C-alpha cells in the first residue's frame, strides 16, 4: 500500500487568515501572528549563526537548546489563551533555561575587555549574524508586549518574557566575543560629527 504525502500548501491562507493552535482563524496581521512569526525569524537567524560560528566559542550546545526553547515559545504564542481549550497550554521555558543564558553571558563577558564605547553591528560574519539575532530578539520582545497590550485577555508566562529579554543580552555579548575571535577588533561608533 502506497502512502500518499499530504500537500505542503493548503490554500487556506490565501485570503489573509491563518489558524492558531486550537483551530481559531485569525488575520495574518494579528499581534499574535506577528509575535510568534518574529520568534520563528529569530530561530532561523540562530540557525545561520550556528552555521557561521560552529563551536569555536563553545556555545553551540546552548544555541541548540535556545532553538528548541524558541520553537516551544512559538507554539505557545500560537495558542490563543483567551479561548477555552481542552488542554492547558504552558511554555517549556523554565527558570533553569534563563539561568543557563545568564551563566553564558557572565562567562563570555569575563573573557572580554571592558566596553568603553558604543559598538556598531559590524565585523566578521558570525559577529554580524549575532547582532542580527540580538536585534530580532529585541523585536520579538516588543511584539510579545504588543500582543499583551493589544489583545484583550492575552497572557504570556513571566519566564517567556524574561527569557526573550536575556537573549538580546546574550547575543550582544556573543557578538563581542565573535568579533575578538574573528580578528580582534570591534567596530566602535565614532560619535556625531
N, C-alpha and C. Protein backbone atom coordinates (compact mmCIF):
# COMPACT_ATOMS: atom_id res chain seq x y z
N UNK A 1 0.83 -1.17 0.00
CA UNK A 1 0.00 0.00 0.00
C UNK A 1 0.89 1.24 0.00
N UNK A 2 0.66 2.10 -0.94
CA UNK A 2 1.46 3.31 -1.09
C UNK A 2 0.92 4.41 -0.18
N UNK A 3 1.84 5.04 0.55
CA UNK A 3 1.45 6.15 1.42
C UNK A 3 1.51 7.43 0.60
N UNK A 4 0.45 8.18 0.62
CA UNK A 4 0.38 9.42 -0.13
C UNK A 4 0.75 10.58 0.77
N UNK A 5 1.71 11.39 0.31
CA UNK A 5 2.11 12.58 1.08
C UNK A 5 1.01 13.64 1.02
N UNK A 6 0.88 14.36 2.10
CA UNK A 6 -0.07 15.48 2.09
C UNK A 6 0.59 16.67 1.40
N UNK A 7 -0.22 17.53 0.84
CA UNK A 7 0.31 18.70 0.15
C UNK A 7 0.84 19.70 1.17
N UNK A 8 1.92 20.34 0.80
CA UNK A 8 2.53 21.34 1.66
C UNK A 8 1.67 22.59 1.72
N UNK A 9 0.99 22.89 0.64
CA UNK A 9 0.13 24.08 0.61
C UNK A 9 -1.33 23.66 0.75
N UNK A 10 -2.07 24.47 1.51
CA UNK A 10 -3.48 24.16 1.74
C UNK A 10 -4.41 25.17 1.09
N UNK A 11 -3.89 26.30 0.72
CA UNK A 11 -4.64 27.43 0.15
C UNK A 11 -5.55 28.09 1.19
N UNK A 12 -5.49 27.62 2.43
CA UNK A 12 -6.34 28.17 3.49
C UNK A 12 -5.97 29.59 3.87
N UNK A 13 -4.75 30.00 3.58
CA UNK A 13 -4.31 31.34 3.95
C UNK A 13 -4.37 32.34 2.82
N UNK A 14 -4.94 31.95 1.71
CA UNK A 14 -4.96 32.82 0.54
C UNK A 14 -5.75 34.10 0.74
N UNK A 15 -6.61 34.14 1.72
CA UNK A 15 -7.44 35.32 1.94
C UNK A 15 -7.02 36.10 3.20
N UNK A 16 -5.75 35.89 3.62
CA UNK A 16 -5.22 36.68 4.73
C UNK A 16 -5.55 36.18 6.12
N UNK A 17 -5.99 34.93 6.22
CA UNK A 17 -6.29 34.35 7.54
C UNK A 17 -5.40 33.12 7.73
N UNK A 18 -5.16 32.78 8.98
CA UNK A 18 -4.41 31.58 9.30
C UNK A 18 -4.99 30.97 10.57
N UNK A 19 -4.62 29.73 10.84
CA UNK A 19 -5.14 29.02 12.01
C UNK A 19 -4.14 29.03 13.15
N UNK A 20 -4.65 29.26 14.34
CA UNK A 20 -3.85 29.11 15.55
C UNK A 20 -3.93 27.66 16.02
N UNK A 21 -3.07 27.32 16.98
CA UNK A 21 -3.19 26.03 17.65
C UNK A 21 -4.55 26.04 18.34
N UNK A 22 -5.36 25.06 18.09
CA UNK A 22 -6.72 25.03 18.60
C UNK A 22 -7.75 25.29 17.52
N UNK A 23 -7.28 25.75 16.34
CA UNK A 23 -8.15 25.87 15.19
C UNK A 23 -8.76 27.23 14.92
N UNK A 24 -8.61 28.20 15.84
CA UNK A 24 -9.20 29.52 15.60
C UNK A 24 -8.54 30.16 14.39
N UNK A 25 -9.36 30.79 13.54
CA UNK A 25 -8.86 31.51 12.36
C UNK A 25 -8.69 32.98 12.74
N UNK A 26 -7.52 33.52 12.42
CA UNK A 26 -7.24 34.92 12.72
C UNK A 26 -6.56 35.56 11.52
N UNK A 27 -6.56 36.89 11.53
CA UNK A 27 -5.88 37.64 10.49
C UNK A 27 -4.37 37.41 10.59
N UNK A 28 -3.73 37.33 9.43
CA UNK A 28 -2.27 37.21 9.42
C UNK A 28 -1.60 38.47 9.94
N UNK A 29 -2.36 39.55 10.09
CA UNK A 29 -1.83 40.80 10.63
C UNK A 29 -2.03 40.90 12.14
N UNK A 30 -2.54 39.86 12.78
CA UNK A 30 -2.83 39.94 14.21
C UNK A 30 -1.53 40.01 15.02
N UNK A 31 -1.57 40.67 16.18
CA UNK A 31 -0.38 40.75 17.03
C UNK A 31 0.15 39.37 17.44
N UNK A 32 -0.72 38.40 17.57
CA UNK A 32 -0.27 37.06 17.96
C UNK A 32 0.58 36.45 16.84
N UNK A 33 0.13 36.60 15.60
CA UNK A 33 0.89 36.05 14.47
C UNK A 33 2.22 36.78 14.35
N UNK A 34 2.20 38.09 14.53
CA UNK A 34 3.44 38.87 14.46
C UNK A 34 4.41 38.44 15.56
N UNK A 35 3.91 38.14 16.76
CA UNK A 35 4.77 37.73 17.87
C UNK A 35 5.44 36.39 17.58
N UNK A 36 4.64 35.37 17.23
CA UNK A 36 5.30 34.08 17.04
C UNK A 36 6.05 34.02 15.72
N UNK A 37 5.65 34.83 14.74
CA UNK A 37 6.41 34.90 13.50
C UNK A 37 7.79 35.49 13.72
N UNK A 38 7.89 36.48 14.59
CA UNK A 38 9.19 37.08 14.90
C UNK A 38 10.06 36.12 15.69
N UNK A 39 9.47 35.34 16.56
CA UNK A 39 10.23 34.31 17.28
C UNK A 39 10.75 33.27 16.29
N UNK A 40 9.95 32.91 15.30
CA UNK A 40 10.38 31.98 14.27
C UNK A 40 11.54 32.58 13.46
N UNK A 41 11.44 33.86 13.14
CA UNK A 41 12.53 34.54 12.42
C UNK A 41 13.82 34.50 13.24
N UNK A 42 13.71 34.78 14.53
CA UNK A 42 14.88 34.72 15.41
C UNK A 42 15.50 33.33 15.38
N UNK A 43 14.66 32.30 15.45
CA UNK A 43 15.15 30.93 15.43
C UNK A 43 15.93 30.65 14.13
N UNK A 44 15.44 31.19 13.03
CA UNK A 44 16.12 31.00 11.75
C UNK A 44 17.48 31.69 11.73
N UNK A 45 17.54 32.90 12.28
CA UNK A 45 18.83 33.59 12.34
C UNK A 45 19.81 32.86 13.25
N UNK A 46 19.31 32.24 14.32
CA UNK A 46 20.20 31.46 15.18
C UNK A 46 20.77 30.28 14.40
N UNK A 47 19.96 29.67 13.54
CA UNK A 47 20.47 28.61 12.68
C UNK A 47 21.61 29.10 11.81
N UNK A 48 21.47 30.30 11.26
CA UNK A 48 22.55 30.89 10.47
C UNK A 48 23.78 31.17 11.32
N UNK A 49 23.55 31.68 12.53
CA UNK A 49 24.66 31.95 13.44
C UNK A 49 25.42 30.67 13.77
N UNK A 50 24.70 29.59 14.02
CA UNK A 50 25.35 28.32 14.31
C UNK A 50 26.18 27.85 13.12
N UNK A 51 25.67 28.06 11.91
CA UNK A 51 26.42 27.67 10.72
C UNK A 51 27.69 28.51 10.58
N UNK A 52 27.62 29.78 10.92
CA UNK A 52 28.77 30.68 10.82
C UNK A 52 29.79 30.44 11.92
N UNK A 53 29.32 30.23 13.13
CA UNK A 53 30.19 30.17 14.30
C UNK A 53 30.73 28.78 14.58
N UNK A 54 29.94 27.75 14.26
CA UNK A 54 30.35 26.40 14.66
C UNK A 54 30.41 26.36 16.18
N UNK A 55 31.41 25.66 16.71
CA UNK A 55 31.55 25.62 18.17
C UNK A 55 32.84 26.30 18.61
N UNK A 56 33.25 27.30 17.83
CA UNK A 56 34.52 27.97 18.12
C UNK A 56 34.50 28.71 19.45
N UNK A 57 33.35 29.08 19.96
CA UNK A 57 33.26 29.74 21.27
C UNK A 57 32.58 28.85 22.31
N UNK A 58 32.46 27.57 21.99
CA UNK A 58 31.85 26.61 22.90
C UNK A 58 30.41 27.00 23.27
N UNK A 59 29.67 27.49 22.28
CA UNK A 59 28.30 27.94 22.51
C UNK A 59 27.26 27.14 21.73
N UNK A 60 27.71 26.19 20.89
CA UNK A 60 26.75 25.53 20.01
C UNK A 60 25.69 24.73 20.76
N UNK A 61 26.06 24.08 21.85
CA UNK A 61 25.07 23.31 22.61
C UNK A 61 24.00 24.24 23.18
N UNK A 62 24.41 25.40 23.70
CA UNK A 62 23.44 26.35 24.23
C UNK A 62 22.58 26.92 23.11
N UNK A 63 23.19 27.25 21.98
CA UNK A 63 22.43 27.77 20.85
C UNK A 63 21.39 26.76 20.38
N UNK A 64 21.76 25.49 20.37
CA UNK A 64 20.80 24.44 20.01
C UNK A 64 19.65 24.41 21.02
N UNK A 65 19.98 24.48 22.30
CA UNK A 65 18.95 24.48 23.34
C UNK A 65 18.03 25.70 23.18
N UNK A 66 18.61 26.86 22.87
CA UNK A 66 17.81 28.07 22.66
C UNK A 66 16.85 27.87 21.50
N UNK A 67 17.32 27.24 20.42
CA UNK A 67 16.43 27.00 19.27
C UNK A 67 15.25 26.12 19.67
N UNK A 68 15.50 25.09 20.46
CA UNK A 68 14.41 24.23 20.92
C UNK A 68 13.42 25.01 21.79
N UNK A 69 13.95 25.83 22.70
CA UNK A 69 13.06 26.61 23.56
C UNK A 69 12.24 27.61 22.73
N UNK A 70 12.88 28.23 21.75
CA UNK A 70 12.14 29.20 20.93
C UNK A 70 11.06 28.52 20.11
N UNK A 71 11.29 27.29 19.68
CA UNK A 71 10.24 26.56 18.97
C UNK A 71 9.04 26.37 19.90
N UNK A 72 9.33 26.04 21.17
CA UNK A 72 8.26 25.89 22.15
C UNK A 72 7.56 27.22 22.44
N UNK A 73 8.34 28.31 22.50
CA UNK A 73 7.76 29.63 22.70
C UNK A 73 6.82 29.97 21.53
N UNK A 74 7.26 29.67 20.31
CA UNK A 74 6.42 29.93 19.15
C UNK A 74 5.11 29.17 19.21
N UNK A 75 5.17 27.90 19.57
CA UNK A 75 3.94 27.10 19.70
C UNK A 75 3.04 27.66 20.80
N UNK A 76 3.65 28.07 21.88
CA UNK A 76 2.91 28.64 23.00
C UNK A 76 2.21 29.93 22.58
N UNK A 77 2.94 30.81 21.87
CA UNK A 77 2.35 32.06 21.42
C UNK A 77 1.29 31.84 20.35
N UNK A 78 1.40 30.74 19.61
CA UNK A 78 0.42 30.42 18.55
C UNK A 78 -0.88 29.84 19.11
N UNK A 79 -0.93 29.71 20.42
CA UNK A 79 -2.13 29.19 21.08
C UNK A 79 -2.89 30.36 21.71
N UNK A 80 -4.11 30.54 21.30
CA UNK A 80 -4.92 31.65 21.80
C UNK A 80 -5.43 31.33 23.20
N UNK A 81 -4.75 31.87 24.22
CA UNK A 81 -5.14 31.57 25.60
C UNK A 81 -6.35 32.38 26.05
N UNK A 82 -6.91 33.19 25.16
CA UNK A 82 -8.15 33.89 25.51
C UNK A 82 -9.37 33.02 25.20
N UNK A 83 -9.16 31.90 24.53
CA UNK A 83 -10.24 30.97 24.17
C UNK A 83 -10.13 29.70 25.02
N UNK A 84 -11.25 29.08 25.37
CA UNK A 84 -11.18 27.84 26.13
C UNK A 84 -10.57 26.72 25.29
N UNK A 85 -9.65 25.97 25.89
CA UNK A 85 -9.02 24.82 25.23
C UNK A 85 -9.31 23.57 26.04
N UNK A 86 -9.17 22.42 25.39
CA UNK A 86 -9.40 21.16 26.09
C UNK A 86 -8.14 20.71 26.83
N UNK A 87 -7.07 21.50 26.77
CA UNK A 87 -5.84 21.19 27.49
C UNK A 87 -5.24 22.50 27.98
N UNK A 88 -4.30 22.39 28.91
CA UNK A 88 -3.63 23.58 29.42
C UNK A 88 -2.35 23.78 28.62
N UNK A 89 -2.21 24.93 27.99
CA UNK A 89 -1.02 25.22 27.20
C UNK A 89 -0.03 25.97 28.07
N UNK A 90 1.14 25.39 28.29
CA UNK A 90 2.20 26.07 29.01
C UNK A 90 3.44 26.04 28.14
N UNK A 91 4.34 26.93 28.42
CA UNK A 91 5.56 27.01 27.64
C UNK A 91 6.65 26.20 28.32
N UNK A 92 7.59 25.70 27.53
CA UNK A 92 8.66 24.87 28.06
C UNK A 92 9.79 25.64 28.70
N UNK A 93 9.72 26.97 28.72
CA UNK A 93 10.80 27.76 29.30
C UNK A 93 10.72 27.70 30.82
N UNK A 94 11.82 27.30 31.42
CA UNK A 94 11.90 27.19 32.88
C UNK A 94 12.95 28.17 33.40
N UNK A 95 12.96 28.36 34.69
CA UNK A 95 13.95 29.24 35.31
C UNK A 95 15.36 28.77 35.01
N UNK A 96 15.56 27.45 34.92
CA UNK A 96 16.89 26.91 34.60
C UNK A 96 17.37 27.36 33.22
N UNK A 97 16.45 27.52 32.28
CA UNK A 97 16.83 28.00 30.94
C UNK A 97 17.33 29.43 31.00
N UNK A 98 16.67 30.25 31.80
CA UNK A 98 17.09 31.64 31.97
C UNK A 98 18.47 31.68 32.62
N UNK A 99 18.68 30.86 33.63
CA UNK A 99 19.97 30.82 34.32
C UNK A 99 21.09 30.34 33.39
N UNK A 100 20.79 29.40 32.50
CA UNK A 100 21.80 28.92 31.56
C UNK A 100 22.27 30.05 30.65
N UNK A 101 21.33 30.87 30.19
CA UNK A 101 21.69 32.01 29.34
C UNK A 101 22.48 33.04 30.16
N UNK A 102 22.06 33.29 31.39
CA UNK A 102 22.78 34.26 32.24
C UNK A 102 24.20 33.79 32.53
N UNK A 103 24.38 32.48 32.78
CA UNK A 103 25.74 31.96 33.01
C UNK A 103 26.62 32.15 31.77
N UNK A 104 26.05 31.90 30.61
CA UNK A 104 26.81 32.08 29.37
C UNK A 104 27.20 33.55 29.18
N UNK A 105 26.28 34.46 29.50
CA UNK A 105 26.59 35.89 29.40
C UNK A 105 27.76 36.23 30.31
N UNK A 106 27.69 35.76 31.56
CA UNK A 106 28.75 36.06 32.53
C UNK A 106 30.09 35.46 32.09
N UNK A 107 30.08 34.24 31.58
CA UNK A 107 31.31 33.58 31.15
C UNK A 107 31.94 34.31 29.97
N UNK A 108 31.12 34.64 28.96
CA UNK A 108 31.65 35.35 27.80
C UNK A 108 32.14 36.74 28.18
N UNK A 109 31.38 37.43 29.02
CA UNK A 109 31.75 38.78 29.42
C UNK A 109 33.07 38.80 30.18
N UNK A 110 33.32 37.79 31.01
CA UNK A 110 34.55 37.73 31.80
C UNK A 110 35.79 37.60 30.91
N UNK A 111 35.61 37.09 29.70
CA UNK A 111 36.76 36.89 28.81
C UNK A 111 37.03 38.09 27.90
N UNK A 112 36.22 39.13 28.01
CA UNK A 112 36.32 40.28 27.11
C UNK A 112 36.81 41.52 27.83
N UNK A 113 37.47 42.44 27.09
CA UNK A 113 37.86 43.70 27.71
C UNK A 113 36.63 44.55 28.03
N UNK A 114 36.78 45.46 28.97
CA UNK A 114 35.69 46.35 29.34
C UNK A 114 35.25 47.15 28.13
N UNK A 115 33.96 47.33 27.99
CA UNK A 115 33.41 48.09 26.88
C UNK A 115 33.40 49.58 27.26
N UNK A 116 34.12 50.40 26.47
CA UNK A 116 34.24 51.82 26.81
C UNK A 116 33.59 52.73 25.79
N UNK A 117 32.98 52.15 24.77
CA UNK A 117 32.28 52.96 23.77
C UNK A 117 31.18 52.11 23.14
N UNK A 118 30.28 52.76 22.43
CA UNK A 118 29.28 52.02 21.68
C UNK A 118 29.96 51.32 20.52
N UNK A 119 29.43 50.15 20.17
CA UNK A 119 29.97 49.44 19.02
C UNK A 119 28.90 49.29 17.96
N UNK A 120 29.34 49.21 16.72
CA UNK A 120 28.43 49.04 15.60
C UNK A 120 28.23 47.56 15.32
N UNK A 121 27.06 47.20 14.77
CA UNK A 121 26.82 45.80 14.42
C UNK A 121 27.56 45.45 13.13
N UNK A 122 28.87 45.30 13.26
CA UNK A 122 29.72 45.02 12.10
C UNK A 122 30.86 44.12 12.54
N UNK A 123 31.64 43.69 11.59
CA UNK A 123 32.76 42.81 11.85
C UNK A 123 32.67 41.62 10.94
N UNK A 124 33.10 40.47 11.42
CA UNK A 124 33.03 39.25 10.64
C UNK A 124 31.60 38.73 10.52
N UNK A 125 31.45 37.63 9.80
CA UNK A 125 30.12 37.10 9.52
C UNK A 125 29.41 36.61 10.79
N UNK A 126 30.11 35.91 11.66
CA UNK A 126 29.49 35.44 12.90
C UNK A 126 29.12 36.62 13.80
N UNK A 127 29.97 37.64 13.82
CA UNK A 127 29.70 38.83 14.61
C UNK A 127 28.43 39.52 14.12
N UNK A 128 28.36 39.77 12.82
CA UNK A 128 27.20 40.45 12.25
C UNK A 128 25.93 39.62 12.42
N UNK A 129 26.05 38.31 12.28
CA UNK A 129 24.88 37.44 12.43
C UNK A 129 24.40 37.44 13.88
N UNK A 130 25.33 37.48 14.82
CA UNK A 130 24.93 37.56 16.22
C UNK A 130 24.21 38.87 16.51
N UNK A 131 24.67 39.96 15.89
CA UNK A 131 23.96 41.23 16.06
C UNK A 131 22.56 41.17 15.44
N UNK A 132 22.41 40.47 14.33
CA UNK A 132 21.07 40.27 13.77
C UNK A 132 20.18 39.52 14.76
N UNK A 133 20.73 38.48 15.38
CA UNK A 133 19.96 37.74 16.40
C UNK A 133 19.57 38.66 17.54
N UNK A 134 20.50 39.54 17.94
CA UNK A 134 20.22 40.49 19.02
C UNK A 134 19.05 41.40 18.66
N UNK A 135 19.09 41.97 17.46
CA UNK A 135 18.04 42.93 17.09
C UNK A 135 16.70 42.23 16.87
N UNK A 136 16.71 41.03 16.32
CA UNK A 136 15.45 40.31 16.12
C UNK A 136 14.88 39.86 17.47
N UNK A 137 15.75 39.50 18.42
CA UNK A 137 15.22 39.13 19.74
C UNK A 137 14.60 40.34 20.43
N UNK A 138 15.16 41.53 20.23
CA UNK A 138 14.55 42.75 20.78
C UNK A 138 13.18 42.98 20.13
N UNK A 139 13.10 42.77 18.82
CA UNK A 139 11.82 42.96 18.13
C UNK A 139 10.81 41.92 18.61
N UNK A 140 11.26 40.68 18.80
CA UNK A 140 10.35 39.64 19.30
C UNK A 140 9.79 40.05 20.66
N UNK A 141 10.65 40.60 21.51
CA UNK A 141 10.19 41.07 22.82
C UNK A 141 9.13 42.17 22.66
N UNK A 142 9.40 43.12 21.76
CA UNK A 142 8.42 44.19 21.53
C UNK A 142 7.11 43.63 21.01
N UNK A 143 7.17 42.66 20.12
CA UNK A 143 5.95 42.08 19.55
C UNK A 143 5.15 41.32 20.60
N UNK A 144 5.83 40.67 21.52
CA UNK A 144 5.13 39.96 22.59
C UNK A 144 4.42 40.96 23.49
N UNK A 145 5.08 42.07 23.81
CA UNK A 145 4.42 43.09 24.63
C UNK A 145 3.28 43.75 23.88
N UNK A 146 3.39 43.90 22.57
CA UNK A 146 2.26 44.41 21.79
C UNK A 146 1.08 43.45 21.87
N UNK A 147 1.36 42.16 21.79
CA UNK A 147 0.30 41.17 21.94
C UNK A 147 -0.41 41.36 23.27
N UNK A 148 0.37 41.53 24.33
CA UNK A 148 -0.22 41.70 25.66
C UNK A 148 -1.04 42.99 25.76
N UNK A 149 -0.57 44.04 25.10
CA UNK A 149 -1.29 45.32 25.15
C UNK A 149 -2.53 45.35 24.28
N UNK A 150 -2.46 44.72 23.11
CA UNK A 150 -3.50 44.90 22.11
C UNK A 150 -4.57 43.82 22.10
N UNK A 151 -4.27 42.65 22.65
CA UNK A 151 -5.25 41.56 22.61
C UNK A 151 -5.81 41.37 24.01
N UNK A 152 -7.06 41.71 24.16
CA UNK A 152 -7.72 41.62 25.46
C UNK A 152 -7.69 40.19 25.97
N UNK A 153 -7.24 40.03 27.20
CA UNK A 153 -7.19 38.72 27.83
C UNK A 153 -5.94 37.91 27.52
N UNK A 154 -5.07 38.41 26.63
CA UNK A 154 -3.84 37.67 26.30
C UNK A 154 -2.91 37.64 27.50
N UNK A 155 -2.29 36.50 27.71
CA UNK A 155 -1.33 36.34 28.79
C UNK A 155 -0.09 35.65 28.25
N UNK A 156 1.06 35.98 28.84
CA UNK A 156 2.32 35.32 28.49
C UNK A 156 3.04 35.06 29.80
N UNK A 157 3.51 33.84 29.97
CA UNK A 157 4.21 33.47 31.20
C UNK A 157 5.43 34.36 31.42
N UNK A 158 5.68 34.68 32.68
CA UNK A 158 6.80 35.54 33.06
C UNK A 158 8.14 34.99 32.57
N UNK A 159 8.31 33.67 32.63
CA UNK A 159 9.58 33.08 32.18
C UNK A 159 9.84 33.34 30.71
N UNK A 160 8.79 33.38 29.90
CA UNK A 160 8.95 33.66 28.47
C UNK A 160 9.48 35.08 28.29
N UNK A 161 8.87 36.03 28.99
CA UNK A 161 9.29 37.43 28.88
C UNK A 161 10.74 37.61 29.34
N UNK A 162 11.10 36.98 30.43
CA UNK A 162 12.48 37.08 30.94
C UNK A 162 13.46 36.43 29.97
N UNK A 163 13.10 35.28 29.44
CA UNK A 163 13.98 34.53 28.54
C UNK A 163 14.27 35.35 27.28
N UNK A 164 13.25 35.88 26.65
CA UNK A 164 13.43 36.65 25.43
C UNK A 164 14.28 37.89 25.73
N UNK A 165 14.06 38.51 26.88
CA UNK A 165 14.86 39.67 27.27
C UNK A 165 16.34 39.30 27.43
N UNK A 166 16.62 38.17 28.07
CA UNK A 166 18.02 37.76 28.28
C UNK A 166 18.71 37.42 26.96
N UNK A 167 17.94 36.91 26.01
CA UNK A 167 18.55 36.51 24.74
C UNK A 167 19.20 37.69 24.03
N UNK A 168 18.59 38.86 24.07
CA UNK A 168 19.21 40.00 23.39
C UNK A 168 20.54 40.35 24.05
N UNK A 169 20.63 40.26 25.37
CA UNK A 169 21.89 40.49 26.07
C UNK A 169 22.92 39.42 25.69
N UNK A 170 22.46 38.19 25.61
CA UNK A 170 23.35 37.08 25.25
C UNK A 170 23.93 37.29 23.84
N UNK A 171 23.07 37.65 22.88
CA UNK A 171 23.57 37.82 21.52
C UNK A 171 24.49 39.03 21.40
N UNK A 172 24.29 40.03 22.24
CA UNK A 172 25.20 41.17 22.25
C UNK A 172 26.60 40.73 22.69
N UNK A 173 26.67 40.01 23.81
CA UNK A 173 27.98 39.60 24.32
C UNK A 173 28.60 38.54 23.41
N UNK A 174 27.77 37.70 22.81
CA UNK A 174 28.28 36.71 21.86
C UNK A 174 28.85 37.41 20.62
N UNK A 175 28.22 38.49 20.18
CA UNK A 175 28.76 39.26 19.05
C UNK A 175 30.12 39.85 19.41
N UNK A 176 30.25 40.34 20.62
CA UNK A 176 31.55 40.88 21.07
C UNK A 176 32.61 39.78 21.08
N UNK A 177 32.25 38.61 21.62
CA UNK A 177 33.21 37.50 21.66
C UNK A 177 33.57 37.05 20.25
N UNK A 178 32.59 37.01 19.37
CA UNK A 178 32.85 36.60 17.98
C UNK A 178 33.76 37.61 17.29
N UNK A 179 33.58 38.89 17.58
CA UNK A 179 34.44 39.92 16.98
C UNK A 179 35.90 39.68 17.36
N UNK A 180 36.14 39.35 18.61
CA UNK A 180 37.52 39.09 19.05
C UNK A 180 38.04 37.80 18.43
N UNK A 181 37.18 36.83 18.27
CA UNK A 181 37.56 35.57 17.63
C UNK A 181 37.90 35.78 16.16
N UNK A 182 37.12 36.64 15.48
CA UNK A 182 37.25 36.79 14.04
C UNK A 182 38.28 37.83 13.61
N UNK A 183 39.00 38.41 14.54
CA UNK A 183 40.01 39.37 14.12
C UNK A 183 40.42 40.35 15.19
N UNK A 184 39.78 40.27 16.32
CA UNK A 184 40.24 41.07 17.45
C UNK A 184 39.74 42.49 17.51
N UNK A 185 38.96 42.93 16.53
CA UNK A 185 38.53 44.32 16.53
C UNK A 185 37.01 44.44 16.54
N UNK A 186 36.52 45.22 17.49
CA UNK A 186 35.11 45.61 17.45
C UNK A 186 35.04 46.96 16.75
N UNK A 187 33.98 47.16 15.97
CA UNK A 187 33.85 48.40 15.24
C UNK A 187 33.17 49.42 16.16
N UNK A 188 33.94 50.42 16.57
CA UNK A 188 33.44 51.41 17.53
C UNK A 188 32.73 52.55 16.82
N UNK A 189 31.66 53.01 17.45
CA UNK A 189 30.93 54.17 16.95
C UNK A 189 31.80 55.40 17.16
N UNK A 190 31.92 56.22 16.13
CA UNK A 190 32.79 57.38 16.20
C UNK A 190 32.11 58.62 16.72
N UNK A 191 30.83 58.55 17.00
CA UNK A 191 30.11 59.69 17.53
C UNK A 191 29.63 60.65 16.45
N UNK A 192 28.94 61.68 16.88
CA UNK A 192 28.41 62.67 15.94
C UNK A 192 29.53 63.57 15.45
N UNK A 193 29.46 63.95 14.20
CA UNK A 193 30.50 64.82 13.62
C UNK A 193 29.99 66.22 13.44
